[in-house]
């Protein structure tokens, strides 16, 4: 699952010129030209922190340290405490303000389905 961010700057090209972007040392899965001042970047899940960004448009490179920062989600409880056929509810903080296709893992095994209910 990937998430998207919009990178805003200047002189990003008058037309799509196959830009490339890197966040935190990892190349974006896809970089799209939006306008001369904006690019879109799809990136894989990260565990939180602060990332720098580097953008390449044709032969020009620009960068910004500490461009993106966020806190990783925190799980504070699991209800019920035993796995059942009806699933479990994970409670915590930083789980997002909208449904962004979350994924969860219990005991090292990916859940078959994860459904976002609320930010907590």
C-alpha atoms as a PDB file:
ATOM      1  CA  UNK A   1       0.000   0.000   0.000  1.00  0.00           C
ATOM      2  CA  UNK A   2       1.318   3.425  -0.779  1.00  0.00           C
ATOM      3  CA  UNK A   3       0.446   6.968   0.199  1.00  0.00           C
ATOM      4  CA  UNK A   4       0.809  10.168  -1.728  1.00  0.00           C
ATOM      5  CA  UNK A   5       2.327  13.527  -0.943  1.00  0.00           C
ATOM      6  CA  UNK A   6       2.481  16.697  -2.986  1.00  0.00           C
ATOM      7  CA  UNK A   7       5.884  18.325  -3.348  1.00  0.00           C
ATOM      8  CA  UNK A   8       5.658  22.082  -3.839  1.00  0.00           C
ATOM      9  CA  UNK A   9       8.498  24.164  -5.231  1.00  0.00           C
ATOM     10  CA  UNK A  10       9.469  26.210  -8.249  1.00  0.00           C
ATOM     11  CA  UNK A  11      10.929  25.597 -11.722  1.00  0.00           C
ATOM     12  CA  UNK A  12       9.649  22.018 -11.782  1.00  0.00           C
ATOM     13  CA  UNK A  13       9.200  22.198 -15.549  1.00  0.00           C
ATOM     14  CA  UNK A  14       6.651  23.702 -17.931  1.00  0.00           C
ATOM     15  CA  UNK A  15       5.494  20.223 -18.949  1.00  0.00           C
ATOM     16  CA  UNK A  16       5.916  16.638 -17.807  1.00  0.00           C
ATOM     17  CA  UNK A  17       9.622  15.888 -18.177  1.00  0.00           C
ATOM     18  CA  UNK A  18       9.749  12.590 -16.239  1.00  0.00           C
ATOM     19  CA  UNK A  19      10.669  14.066 -12.852  1.00  0.00           C
ATOM     20  CA  UNK A  20      12.080  11.853 -10.108  1.00  0.00           C
ATOM     21  CA  UNK A  21      11.821  12.349  -6.369  1.00  0.00           C
ATOM     22  CA  UNK A  22      13.379  10.739  -3.316  1.00  0.00           C
ATOM     23  CA  UNK A  23      12.045  10.948   0.252  1.00  0.00           C
ATOM     24  CA  UNK A  24      14.304   9.943   3.116  1.00  0.00           C
ATOM     25  CA  UNK A  25      16.727   8.203   0.766  1.00  0.00           C
ATOM     26  CA  UNK A  26      14.017   6.066  -0.841  1.00  0.00           C
ATOM     27  CA  UNK A  27      12.861   6.761  -4.390  1.00  0.00           C
ATOM     28  CA  UNK A  28       9.146   7.471  -4.721  1.00  0.00           C
ATOM     29  CA  UNK A  29       7.299   4.574  -6.359  1.00  0.00           C
ATOM     30  CA  UNK A  30       5.932   7.116  -8.839  1.00  0.00           C
ATOM     31  CA  UNK A  31       6.549  10.821  -9.330  1.00  0.00           C
ATOM     32  CA  UNK A  32       3.993  12.748 -11.343  1.00  0.00           C
ATOM     33  CA  UNK A  33       4.221  16.216 -12.800  1.00  0.00           C
ATOM     34  CA  UNK A  34       1.290  18.360 -11.644  1.00  0.00           C
ATOM     35  CA  UNK A  35       2.443  21.851 -12.618  1.00  0.00           C
ATOM     36  CA  UNK A  36       5.527  24.063 -12.775  1.00  0.00           C
ATOM     37  CA  UNK A  37       5.259  24.350  -8.976  1.00  0.00           C
ATOM     38  CA  UNK A  38       4.006  20.909  -7.864  1.00  0.00           C
ATOM     39  CA  UNK A  39       4.863  17.200  -8.196  1.00  0.00           C
ATOM     40  CA  UNK A  40       3.056  14.199  -6.740  1.00  0.00           C
ATOM     41  CA  UNK A  41       4.943  11.353  -5.085  1.00  0.00           C
ATOM     42  CA  UNK A  42       3.663   7.875  -4.186  1.00  0.00           C
ATOM     43  CA  UNK A  43       5.655   6.225  -1.442  1.00  0.00           C
ATOM     44  CA  UNK A  44       5.523   3.019   0.566  1.00  0.00           C
ATOM     45  CA  UNK A  45       4.602   2.996   4.212  1.00  0.00           C
ATOM     46  CA  UNK A  46       7.149   4.445   6.623  1.00  0.00           C
ATOM     47  CA  UNK A  47       7.301   4.118  10.376  1.00  0.00           C
ATOM     48  CA  UNK A  48       7.269   7.827  11.137  1.00  0.00           C
ATOM     49  CA  UNK A  49      10.026  10.361  11.530  1.00  0.00           C
ATOM     50  CA  UNK A  50      11.481  13.235   9.547  1.00  0.00           C
ATOM     51  CA  UNK A  51      12.466  12.864   5.919  1.00  0.00           C
ATOM     52  CA  UNK A  52      14.410  15.035   3.533  1.00  0.00           C
ATOM     53  CA  UNK A  53      13.383  15.312  -0.108  1.00  0.00           C
ATOM     54  CA  UNK A  54      15.356  15.462  -3.329  1.00  0.00           C
ATOM     55  CA  UNK A  55      13.790  16.241  -6.718  1.00  0.00           C
ATOM     56  CA  UNK A  56      15.361  15.801 -10.140  1.00  0.00           C
ATOM     57  CA  UNK A  57      13.806  17.526 -13.159  1.00  0.00           C
ATOM     58  CA  UNK A  58      15.777  16.928 -16.344  1.00  0.00           C
ATOM     59  CA  UNK A  59      19.363  17.605 -15.203  1.00  0.00           C
ATOM     60  CA  UNK A  60      18.462  19.943 -12.297  1.00  0.00           C
ATOM     61  CA  UNK A  61      18.436  18.667  -8.702  1.00  0.00           C
ATOM     62  CA  UNK A  62      16.885  20.398  -5.707  1.00  0.00           C
ATOM     63  CA  UNK A  63      16.638  19.237  -2.115  1.00  0.00           C
ATOM     64  CA  UNK A  64      15.180  20.175   1.251  1.00  0.00           C
ATOM     65  CA  UNK A  65      16.173  18.590   4.558  1.00  0.00           C
ATOM     66  CA  UNK A  66      13.443  17.848   7.121  1.00  0.00           C
ATOM     67  CA  UNK A  67      10.758  18.332   4.448  1.00  0.00           C
ATOM     68  CA  UNK A  68       8.229  15.871   5.873  1.00  0.00           C
ATOM     69  CA  UNK A  69       7.626  14.848   9.467  1.00  0.00           C
ATOM     70  CA  UNK A  70       5.023  12.709  11.226  1.00  0.00           C
ATOM     71  CA  UNK A  71       4.584  10.483  14.243  1.00  0.00           C
ATOM     72  CA  UNK A  72       4.196   6.742  13.819  1.00  0.00           C
ATOM     73  CA  UNK A  73       0.871   5.243  14.922  1.00  0.00           C
ATOM     74  CA  UNK A  74       0.800   3.768  18.419  1.00  0.00           C
ATOM     75  CA  UNK A  75      -1.316   0.786  19.484  1.00  0.00           C
ATOM     76  CA  UNK A  76      -2.337   0.943  23.161  1.00  0.00           C
ATOM     77  CA  UNK A  77      -4.714  -2.016  23.390  1.00  0.00           C
ATOM     78  CA  UNK A  78      -6.235  -4.941  21.517  1.00  0.00           C
ATOM     79  CA  UNK A  79      -9.816  -5.976  22.177  1.00  0.00           C
ATOM     80  CA  UNK A  80     -10.779  -8.732  22.805  1.00  0.00           C
ATOM     81  CA  UNK A  81      -7.470  -9.975  24.194  1.00  0.00           C
ATOM     82  CA  UNK A  82      -7.874 -13.271  22.343  1.00  0.00           C
ATOM     83  CA  UNK A  83      -8.107 -13.679  18.597  1.00  0.00           C
ATOM     84  CA  UNK A  84     -11.590 -14.692  17.494  1.00  0.00           C
ATOM     85  CA  UNK A  85     -13.223 -15.401  14.157  1.00  0.00           C
ATOM     86  CA  UNK A  86     -14.860 -11.972  14.278  1.00  0.00           C
ATOM     87  CA  UNK A  87     -11.465 -10.269  14.515  1.00  0.00           C
ATOM     88  CA  UNK A  88     -10.014  -7.817  16.988  1.00  0.00           C
ATOM     89  CA  UNK A  89     -10.100  -4.070  17.490  1.00  0.00           C
ATOM     90  CA  UNK A  90      -6.829  -2.152  17.735  1.00  0.00           C
ATOM     91  CA  UNK A  91      -6.988   1.030  19.837  1.00  0.00           C
ATOM     92  CA  UNK A  92      -4.298   3.676  19.824  1.00  0.00           C
ATOM     93  CA  UNK A  93      -3.295   7.100  18.613  1.00  0.00           C
ATOM     94  CA  UNK A  94      -2.051   8.589  15.369  1.00  0.00           C
ATOM     95  CA  UNK A  95      -4.182   6.200  13.341  1.00  0.00           C
ATOM     96  CA  UNK A  96      -5.143   8.904  10.833  1.00  0.00           C
ATOM     97  CA  UNK A  97      -8.058  11.283  10.430  1.00  0.00           C
ATOM     98  CA  UNK A  98      -9.419   9.516   7.341  1.00  0.00           C
ATOM     99  CA  UNK A  99      -9.375   6.010   5.907  1.00  0.00           C
ATOM    100  CA  UNK A 100      -6.043   5.670   4.103  1.00  0.00           C
ATOM    101  CA  UNK A 101      -6.147   1.900   3.494  1.00  0.00           C
ATOM    102  CA  UNK A 102      -4.398   0.839   6.700  1.00  0.00           C
ATOM    103  CA  UNK A 103      -2.656  -2.509   7.080  1.00  0.00           C
ATOM    104  CA  UNK A 104      -2.023  -4.354  10.324  1.00  0.00           C
ATOM    105  CA  UNK A 105       0.072  -7.301  11.465  1.00  0.00           C
ATOM    106  CA  UNK A 106      -0.616  -9.475  14.505  1.00  0.00           C
ATOM    107  CA  UNK A 107       2.120 -11.785  15.770  1.00  0.00           C
ATOM    108  CA  UNK A 108       4.079 -11.371  12.547  1.00  0.00           C
ATOM    109  CA  UNK A 109       1.132 -12.369  10.330  1.00  0.00           C
ATOM    110  CA  UNK A 110      -0.607  -9.809   8.125  1.00  0.00           C
ATOM    111  CA  UNK A 111      -4.321  -9.429   8.845  1.00  0.00           C
ATOM    112  CA  UNK A 112      -6.579 -10.554   5.998  1.00  0.00           C
ATOM    113  CA  UNK A 113      -8.380  -7.213   6.176  1.00  0.00           C
ATOM    114  CA  UNK A 114      -7.945  -4.021   8.166  1.00  0.00           C
ATOM    115  CA  UNK A 115     -10.786  -1.513   8.398  1.00  0.00           C
ATOM    116  CA  UNK A 116     -10.251   2.046   9.631  1.00  0.00           C
ATOM    117  CA  UNK A 117     -12.865   3.156  12.172  1.00  0.00           C
ATOM    118  CA  UNK A 118     -11.466   6.361  13.736  1.00  0.00           C
ATOM    119  CA  UNK A 119      -8.277   8.212  14.632  1.00  0.00           C
ATOM    120  CA  UNK A 120      -8.193   6.396  17.988  1.00  0.00           C
END
